Protein backbone atom coordinates (compact mmCIF):
# COMPACT_ATOMS: atom_id res chain seq x y z
CA MET A 1 0.00 0.00 0.00
CA GLN A 2 3.01 2.29 -0.06
CA ARG A 3 2.41 5.26 -2.38
CA LYS A 4 4.98 7.95 -1.79
CA ASN A 5 3.27 10.57 -3.93
CA SER A 6 -0.29 10.19 -2.67
CA LEU A 7 -2.01 10.81 0.63
CA ILE A 8 -3.23 7.48 1.95
CA PHE A 9 -4.49 8.07 5.47
CA SER A 10 -6.43 10.88 7.13
CA ILE A 11 -6.81 10.77 10.90
CA VAL A 12 -9.64 12.82 12.39
CA ILE A 13 -9.44 13.66 16.10
CA PRO A 14 -12.27 15.63 17.75
CA ALA A 15 -11.17 17.84 20.63
CA TYR A 16 -13.35 19.27 23.37
CA ASN A 17 -11.65 20.84 26.42
CA GLU A 18 -8.55 18.65 26.13
CA THR A 19 -6.02 20.78 28.01
CA LYS A 20 -5.50 18.09 30.67
CA ASN A 21 -4.83 15.45 28.04
CA PHE A 22 -2.33 17.77 26.36
CA LYS A 23 -0.48 18.14 29.65
CA ARG A 24 -0.57 14.38 30.21
CA GLY A 25 1.24 13.89 26.90
CA ARG A 26 -1.54 11.82 25.37
CA LEU A 27 -0.47 12.80 21.84
CA ASN A 28 3.23 12.02 22.19
CA GLU A 29 3.05 8.47 20.85
CA LEU A 30 0.81 9.60 18.00
CA PHE A 31 3.45 11.75 16.35
CA ASP A 32 6.40 9.53 17.31
CA PHE A 33 4.71 6.59 15.61
CA LEU A 34 3.39 8.27 12.47
CA GLN A 35 6.67 9.93 11.55
CA LYS A 36 8.28 6.47 11.29
CA GLN A 37 5.68 4.92 8.98
CA TYR A 38 5.90 4.00 5.30
CA PHE A 39 2.52 5.52 4.44
CA SER A 40 1.65 9.18 3.99
CA TRP A 41 -0.79 10.74 6.43
CA GLU A 42 -2.50 13.85 7.69
CA ILE A 43 -4.12 14.62 11.05
CA ILE A 44 -7.23 16.79 11.23
CA PHE A 45 -7.94 18.06 14.74
CA VAL A 46 -11.46 19.44 15.11
CA ASN A 47 -11.83 21.85 18.00
CA ASP A 48 -15.45 21.40 19.07
CA GLY A 49 -15.96 24.81 20.65
CA SER A 50 -13.60 24.21 23.57
CA THR A 51 -13.69 26.73 26.40
CA ASP A 52 -10.19 26.03 27.77
CA ASP A 53 -6.74 26.29 26.13
CA THR A 54 -7.34 23.49 23.62
CA LEU A 55 -7.46 25.70 20.51
CA PRO A 56 -4.19 27.62 21.09
CA LEU A 57 -2.46 24.35 21.96
CA LEU A 58 -3.76 22.79 18.74
CA ASN A 59 -2.59 25.79 16.74
CA LYS A 60 0.93 25.26 18.10
CA LEU A 61 0.82 21.68 16.85
CA GLY A 62 -0.29 22.94 13.46
CA GLN A 63 2.72 25.23 13.33
CA LYS A 64 5.07 22.41 14.31
CA TYR A 65 3.78 19.68 11.98
CA PRO A 66 2.98 20.46 8.31
CA ALA A 67 0.68 17.41 8.10
CA VAL A 68 -1.58 18.74 10.87
CA LYS A 69 -4.74 20.71 10.08
CA ILE A 70 -6.92 22.49 12.63
CA LEU A 71 -10.64 23.03 12.24
CA ASP A 72 -12.45 25.27 14.73
CA ILE A 73 -16.21 24.74 14.88
CA VAL A 74 -19.11 25.77 17.09
CA HIS A 75 -19.68 23.22 19.85
CA GLY A 76 -22.10 20.56 18.67
CA GLY A 77 -20.82 17.23 19.94
CA LYS A 78 -18.60 14.43 18.71
CA ALA A 79 -20.70 13.37 15.72
CA GLY A 80 -20.64 16.87 14.24
CA ALA A 81 -16.93 17.28 14.93
CA VAL A 82 -16.02 13.99 13.28
CA LYS A 83 -18.27 14.75 10.30
CA ALA A 84 -16.53 18.13 9.85
CA GLY A 85 -13.14 16.42 9.88
CA VAL A 86 -14.23 13.72 7.44
CA GLY A 87 -15.45 16.43 5.10
CA LYS A 88 -11.93 17.88 4.92
CA ALA A 89 -10.08 14.56 4.65
CA LYS A 90 -7.88 14.14 1.58
CA GLY A 91 -6.73 10.58 2.20
CA GLU A 92 -7.99 7.45 0.51
CA PHE A 93 -8.93 6.18 3.97
CA VAL A 94 -10.07 8.07 7.04
CA LEU A 95 -9.83 7.02 10.69
CA PHE A 96 -11.50 8.75 13.58
CA THR A 97 -10.00 8.20 16.99
CA ASP A 98 -10.22 9.75 20.44
CA PHE A 99 -7.99 12.57 21.62
CA ASP A 100 -7.00 10.63 24.74
CA GLN A 101 -5.62 7.84 22.52
CA SER A 102 -7.34 5.14 24.57
CA THR A 103 -6.78 2.94 21.52
CA PRO A 104 -3.06 3.31 20.75
CA ILE A 105 -2.28 4.58 17.27
CA PRO A 106 -0.03 1.58 16.33
CA GLU A 107 -3.27 -0.42 15.99
CA VAL A 108 -3.73 1.44 12.69
CA ILE A 109 -1.42 -1.08 11.02
CA LYS A 110 -4.10 -3.74 11.52
CA VAL A 111 -6.60 -1.36 9.93
CA LEU A 112 -4.50 -0.91 6.81
CA ARG A 113 -4.12 -4.68 6.43
CA LYS A 114 -7.91 -5.04 6.42
CA PHE A 115 -8.23 -2.37 3.74
CA GLU A 116 -5.60 -4.18 1.67
CA LYS A 117 -7.88 -7.24 1.78
CA GLY A 118 -10.90 -5.32 0.52
CA ALA A 119 -12.66 -3.99 3.62
CA ASP A 120 -14.81 -0.87 3.29
CA VAL A 121 -15.18 -0.21 7.04
CA VAL A 122 -12.83 -1.34 9.82
CA ILE A 123 -13.86 -1.13 13.47
CA ALA A 124 -11.94 -1.87 16.66
CA ARG A 125 -13.04 -4.42 19.22
CA ARG A 126 -11.69 -3.87 22.74
CA LYS A 127 -10.07 -7.25 23.28
CA HIS A 128 -7.38 -6.39 25.81
CA VAL A 129 -8.60 -3.70 28.20
CA HIS A 130 -6.57 -1.90 30.83
CA GLY A 131 -7.81 0.08 33.83
CA TRP A 132 -11.49 -0.17 32.94
CA PRO A 133 -13.63 -0.19 36.12
CA MET A 134 -15.86 -3.23 36.30
CA PRO A 135 -19.17 -1.29 36.61
CA GLN A 136 -18.42 0.58 33.37
CA ARG A 137 -17.31 -2.63 31.67
CA ILE A 138 -20.56 -4.35 32.61
CA ARG A 139 -22.60 -1.34 31.47
CA SER A 140 -20.83 -1.38 28.11
CA LYS A 141 -21.41 -5.12 27.67
CA MET A 142 -25.10 -4.74 28.45
CA PHE A 143 -25.46 -1.85 26.03
CA ASN A 144 -23.79 -3.79 23.24
CA LEU A 145 -25.99 -6.82 23.85
CA LEU A 146 -29.02 -4.58 23.42
CA VAL A 147 -27.54 -3.10 20.24
CA GLN A 148 -27.00 -6.58 18.82
CA LEU A 149 -30.50 -7.64 19.80
CA LEU A 150 -32.18 -4.58 18.32
CA ILE A 151 -30.26 -3.62 15.18
CA LEU A 152 -26.69 -4.94 14.75
CA PRO A 153 -26.43 -8.69 15.40
CA GLY A 154 -22.91 -10.03 15.20
CA ILE A 155 -20.99 -6.81 15.89
CA ALA A 156 -19.35 -7.34 19.25
CA ASP A 157 -18.23 -3.76 19.97
CA THR A 158 -19.90 -0.74 18.44
CA GLN A 159 -18.61 1.91 20.86
CA CYS A 160 -14.84 1.75 20.65
CA GLY A 161 -13.84 5.14 19.28
CA PHE A 162 -11.43 3.80 16.67
CA LYS A 163 -13.14 3.35 13.30
CA ALA A 164 -11.88 3.67 9.74
CA PHE A 165 -13.58 3.95 6.36
CA ARG A 166 -12.83 4.46 2.74
CA THR A 167 -13.22 8.21 2.71
CA SER A 168 -15.98 8.40 0.10
CA ILE A 169 -17.99 5.87 2.14
CA ALA A 170 -17.48 7.82 5.37
CA ARG A 171 -18.82 11.01 3.77
CA ASN A 172 -21.85 9.18 2.43
CA LEU A 173 -22.66 7.63 5.80
CA PHE A 174 -22.27 10.84 7.80
CA ASN A 175 -24.42 12.75 5.31
CA ASN A 176 -27.23 10.25 5.81
CA LEU A 177 -27.39 10.12 9.60
CA LEU A 178 -30.95 10.72 10.78
CA ILE A 179 -30.83 10.30 14.55
CA THR A 180 -27.48 11.58 15.72
CA LYS A 181 -26.77 14.46 13.35
CA GLY A 182 -28.08 17.20 15.63
CA ALA A 183 -25.99 19.35 17.96
CA GLN A 184 -25.31 17.92 21.41
CA LYS A 185 -23.80 19.47 24.50
CA GLY A 186 -20.85 18.50 26.68
CA ARG A 187 -19.04 15.23 26.03
CA PHE A 188 -22.19 13.23 25.33
CA MET A 189 -21.77 11.73 21.87
CA GLY A 190 -25.02 9.89 21.29
CA ALA A 191 -25.01 6.56 19.47
CA PHE A 192 -23.78 7.90 16.15
CA ASP A 193 -21.27 5.02 15.88
CA VAL A 194 -24.18 2.58 15.94
CA GLU A 195 -26.17 4.47 13.34
CA LEU A 196 -23.10 4.68 11.08
CA LEU A 197 -22.59 0.93 11.26
CA PHE A 198 -26.30 0.29 10.78
CA LEU A 199 -26.23 2.34 7.58
CA ALA A 200 -23.01 0.67 6.43
CA ARG A 201 -24.56 -2.76 6.82
CA LYS A 202 -27.78 -1.63 5.13
CA LYS A 203 -25.73 -0.45 2.14
CA ASN A 204 -23.86 -3.79 2.08
CA TYR A 205 -20.45 -2.31 2.74
CA LYS A 206 -17.85 -4.84 3.87
CA ILE A 207 -17.32 -4.34 7.62
CA GLN A 208 -14.28 -5.96 9.28
CA SER A 209 -13.19 -5.95 12.94
CA ILE A 210 -9.76 -5.88 14.54
CA ASP A 211 -8.87 -6.77 18.13
CA VAL A 212 -7.08 -3.93 19.91
CA ASN A 213 -5.56 -2.95 23.21
CA TRP A 214 -7.64 -0.32 24.96
CA TYR A 215 -6.79 1.88 27.95
CA CYS A 216 -9.41 3.57 30.10
CA VAL A 217 -8.22 7.17 30.27
CA ARG A 218 -11.33 9.15 31.12
CA ALA A 219 -13.27 6.87 33.47
CA GLY A 220 -16.50 8.27 34.84
CA SER A 221 -16.88 11.11 32.31
CA LEU A 222 -20.42 10.06 31.36
CA THR A 223 -23.37 10.46 33.71
CA TRP A 224 -25.72 7.58 34.44
CA LEU A 225 -28.39 9.20 32.24
CA GLU A 226 -26.31 9.15 29.09
CA PRO A 227 -26.48 5.38 28.43
CA LEU A 228 -30.26 5.75 28.60
CA LYS A 229 -30.13 8.54 26.03
CA MET A 230 -27.97 6.34 23.81
CA LEU A 231 -30.44 3.49 24.18
CA LEU A 232 -33.21 5.85 23.10
CA ASN A 233 -31.14 6.64 19.98
CA ILE A 234 -30.92 2.90 19.21
CA ILE A 235 -34.63 2.36 19.65
CA THR A 236 -35.30 5.34 17.37
CA VAL A 237 -33.07 3.84 14.67
CA ARG A 238 -35.08 0.62 14.91
CA VAL A 239 -38.37 2.55 14.67
CA TYR A 240 -37.16 4.63 11.71
CA ASP A 241 -36.05 1.48 9.93
CA THR A 242 -39.47 -0.11 10.50
CA MET A 243 -41.06 3.03 9.07
CA GLY A 244 -38.89 2.71 5.97
CA ARG A 245 -37.04 5.99 6.45
CA TYR A 246 -33.64 4.41 5.80
CA SER A 247 -34.86 2.74 2.61
CA LYS A 248 -35.00 6.20 1.03
CA ILE A 249 -31.27 6.76 1.56
């Protein structure tokens, strides 16, 4: 897959009030790793209306690394931030991943291998987890069981924030979101990952999974109400599908 004269991989990273993660050095491995790789890349940071020092810190990164782009948007939640980044991606493939790098960037090599074998969408499955409190782990397992029961049987992990697409496919999917396209406040992200995968399966795109290491960096950032809101998103997707609204896409 080495193509020295073409941009292969775009990495979209949404950022909302990430000053603490900057100070913790969460991005250090990202740049150390990418600068050693055979493939060409760009990183698109999307500042989602942060109210701390995230934007000036991102701008410094943009000055340091020519392959880094910074988008500054009005706060609207993770789905909107990722969509904005995908819209600016120039690579053949686009990955969105979390600012805290809970899934380490070296896992991207597994992603590229899947694309080489014909995948359209590659999603991470948290196989080896580190520092994840048991109550949150159980909550995540229960949520995913409900997702499989209601709309996505056979996909073992829909919520790991490490997903890659052929770029044209990613744009198509984000443009057709019905449930999770609206603006959302705080860190709550809705179930846009689930709706993306639901649409991808409905359009018969080839979805492949990879097993990854995953580190719990921001434990306890979601309130107990937010899984219920996400479940409501899932139920709404099921209802919309029954009504035939996705058949028009």
